[in-house]
Amino acid sequence: MFAWRNAIFAGIAVTVVGVAYWLLQGHGETMDRTGATMLISLGAAMAFVFIILLRGTREL
């Protein structure tokens, strides 16, 4: 039902949004580094955990 490629694409999509958010907000005092870091971490963690769960259920 699920493919490991979907997990990687979802993680990459969230990571790309985090990197774009970090780069497009400019530089200065109002830069939200924490939000960008959390989005990038969320993308990497989501892809990793989803792949581990799929491997554990033998669907890979």
N, C-alpha and C. Protein backbone atom coordinates (compact mmCIF):
# COMPACT_ATOMS: atom_id res chain seq x y z
N MET A 1 0.82 -1.19 0.00
CA MET A 1 0.00 0.00 0.00
C MET A 1 0.87 1.26 0.00
N PHE A 2 1.86 1.32 0.87
CA PHE A 2 2.76 2.46 0.91
C PHE A 2 4.08 2.10 0.26
N ALA A 3 4.73 3.06 -0.32
CA ALA A 3 6.04 2.83 -0.92
C ALA A 3 7.06 3.67 -0.19
N TRP A 4 8.28 3.16 -0.11
CA TRP A 4 9.32 3.90 0.59
C TRP A 4 9.64 5.21 -0.13
N ARG A 5 9.36 5.26 -1.42
CA ARG A 5 9.60 6.50 -2.17
C ARG A 5 8.69 7.62 -1.68
N ASN A 6 7.47 7.28 -1.30
CA ASN A 6 6.55 8.29 -0.77
C ASN A 6 7.10 8.90 0.51
N ALA A 7 7.70 8.08 1.35
CA ALA A 7 8.28 8.58 2.59
C ALA A 7 9.43 9.52 2.31
N ILE A 8 10.27 9.15 1.36
CA ILE A 8 11.40 10.01 1.03
C ILE A 8 10.92 11.31 0.40
N PHE A 9 9.94 11.26 -0.50
CA PHE A 9 9.44 12.47 -1.14
C PHE A 9 8.76 13.39 -0.13
N ALA A 10 8.01 12.84 0.82
CA ALA A 10 7.37 13.67 1.84
C ALA A 10 8.42 14.34 2.72
N GLY A 11 9.44 13.60 3.11
CA GLY A 11 10.51 14.18 3.91
C GLY A 11 11.29 15.24 3.17
N ILE A 12 11.57 14.99 1.90
CA ILE A 12 12.29 15.97 1.08
C ILE A 12 11.44 17.22 0.88
N ALA A 13 10.15 17.05 0.69
CA ALA A 13 9.27 18.20 0.49
C ALA A 13 9.27 19.12 1.71
N VAL A 14 9.14 18.54 2.90
CA VAL A 14 9.14 19.36 4.11
C VAL A 14 10.51 19.99 4.33
N THR A 15 11.58 19.26 4.02
CA THR A 15 12.93 19.81 4.16
C THR A 15 13.15 20.97 3.19
N VAL A 16 12.67 20.83 1.96
CA VAL A 16 12.81 21.91 0.98
C VAL A 16 12.02 23.14 1.42
N VAL A 17 10.84 22.95 1.96
CA VAL A 17 10.07 24.08 2.48
C VAL A 17 10.83 24.77 3.61
N GLY A 18 11.45 24.00 4.48
CA GLY A 18 12.24 24.58 5.57
C GLY A 18 13.43 25.37 5.07
N VAL A 19 14.13 24.83 4.08
CA VAL A 19 15.29 25.54 3.52
C VAL A 19 14.83 26.81 2.79
N ALA A 20 13.74 26.72 2.04
CA ALA A 20 13.21 27.90 1.35
C ALA A 20 12.77 28.96 2.36
N TYR A 21 12.13 28.55 3.43
CA TYR A 21 11.71 29.48 4.48
C TYR A 21 12.91 30.17 5.10
N TRP A 22 13.98 29.42 5.30
CA TRP A 22 15.20 29.98 5.89
C TRP A 22 15.86 30.97 4.95
N LEU A 23 15.92 30.64 3.66
CA LEU A 23 16.61 31.50 2.70
C LEU A 23 15.80 32.72 2.28
N LEU A 24 14.49 32.60 2.22
CA LEU A 24 13.66 33.69 1.69
C LEU A 24 13.24 34.73 2.72
N GLN A 25 13.51 34.49 3.97
CA GLN A 25 13.05 35.45 4.96
C GLN A 25 14.03 36.60 5.19
N GLY A 26 15.17 36.57 4.55
CA GLY A 26 16.13 37.66 4.65
C GLY A 26 17.03 37.49 5.86
N HIS A 27 17.77 38.55 6.13
CA HIS A 27 18.71 38.54 7.25
C HIS A 27 18.39 39.70 8.18
N GLY A 28 18.69 39.52 9.42
CA GLY A 28 18.46 40.59 10.38
C GLY A 28 17.91 40.07 11.68
N GLU A 29 17.39 41.00 12.44
CA GLU A 29 16.89 40.66 13.78
C GLU A 29 15.60 39.86 13.74
N THR A 30 14.81 40.04 12.70
CA THR A 30 13.51 39.35 12.64
C THR A 30 13.58 37.97 12.00
N MET A 31 14.77 37.51 11.69
CA MET A 31 14.92 36.20 11.04
C MET A 31 14.53 35.09 12.01
N ASP A 32 13.67 34.20 11.55
CA ASP A 32 13.17 33.10 12.38
C ASP A 32 14.00 31.84 12.11
N ARG A 33 15.13 31.74 12.77
CA ARG A 33 16.01 30.58 12.58
C ARG A 33 15.43 29.33 13.21
N THR A 34 14.73 29.49 14.31
CA THR A 34 14.18 28.33 15.01
C THR A 34 13.11 27.62 14.18
N GLY A 35 12.23 28.38 13.57
CA GLY A 35 11.18 27.78 12.75
C GLY A 35 11.75 27.04 11.56
N ALA A 36 12.75 27.63 10.91
CA ALA A 36 13.37 26.97 9.76
C ALA A 36 14.09 25.70 10.19
N THR A 37 14.80 25.76 11.31
CA THR A 37 15.50 24.58 11.81
C THR A 37 14.52 23.47 12.16
N MET A 38 13.40 23.82 12.76
CA MET A 38 12.41 22.81 13.11
C MET A 38 11.77 22.18 11.87
N LEU A 39 11.52 22.97 10.82
CA LEU A 39 10.97 22.40 9.59
C LEU A 39 11.95 21.44 8.93
N ILE A 40 13.22 21.82 8.89
CA ILE A 40 14.24 20.95 8.29
C ILE A 40 14.37 19.66 9.11
N SER A 41 14.39 19.78 10.43
CA SER A 41 14.49 18.60 11.29
C SER A 41 13.25 17.71 11.16
N LEU A 42 12.09 18.33 11.05
CA LEU A 42 10.85 17.57 10.89
C LEU A 42 10.87 16.75 9.61
N GLY A 43 11.33 17.34 8.52
CA GLY A 43 11.39 16.61 7.25
C GLY A 43 12.31 15.42 7.32
N ALA A 44 13.49 15.61 7.89
CA ALA A 44 14.45 14.50 8.00
C ALA A 44 13.91 13.41 8.93
N ALA A 45 13.35 13.80 10.07
CA ALA A 45 12.84 12.82 11.02
C ALA A 45 11.63 12.08 10.47
N MET A 46 10.77 12.78 9.78
CA MET A 46 9.57 12.16 9.24
C MET A 46 9.93 11.10 8.20
N ALA A 47 10.86 11.42 7.31
CA ALA A 47 11.28 10.43 6.30
C ALA A 47 11.94 9.24 6.97
N PHE A 48 12.81 9.47 7.93
CA PHE A 48 13.52 8.39 8.61
C PHE A 48 12.56 7.47 9.34
N VAL A 49 11.65 8.01 10.11
CA VAL A 49 10.72 7.19 10.91
C VAL A 49 9.75 6.44 10.00
N PHE A 50 9.28 7.08 8.95
CA PHE A 50 8.34 6.42 8.05
C PHE A 50 9.01 5.23 7.37
N ILE A 51 10.27 5.39 6.97
CA ILE A 51 10.99 4.28 6.35
C ILE A 51 11.19 3.15 7.35
N ILE A 52 11.53 3.47 8.60
CA ILE A 52 11.71 2.44 9.63
C ILE A 52 10.39 1.71 9.89
N LEU A 53 9.28 2.43 9.94
CA LEU A 53 7.99 1.78 10.17
C LEU A 53 7.62 0.87 9.00
N LEU A 54 7.86 1.30 7.80
CA LEU A 54 7.56 0.45 6.64
C LEU A 54 8.43 -0.79 6.63
N ARG A 55 9.69 -0.63 6.99
CA ARG A 55 10.58 -1.80 7.03
C ARG A 55 10.13 -2.77 8.12
N GLY A 56 9.66 -2.26 9.25
CA GLY A 56 9.20 -3.12 10.34
C GLY A 56 7.95 -3.90 10.00
N THR A 57 7.11 -3.34 9.14
CA THR A 57 5.89 -4.06 8.74
C THR A 57 6.11 -4.92 7.51
N ARG A 58 7.34 -5.00 7.04
CA ARG A 58 7.72 -5.83 5.90
C ARG A 58 7.07 -5.39 4.60
N GLU A 59 6.69 -4.10 4.50
CA GLU A 59 6.11 -3.60 3.27
C GLU A 59 7.15 -3.03 2.32
N LEU A 60 8.40 -3.04 2.70
CA LEU A 60 9.44 -2.53 1.80
C LEU A 60 9.89 -3.60 0.84
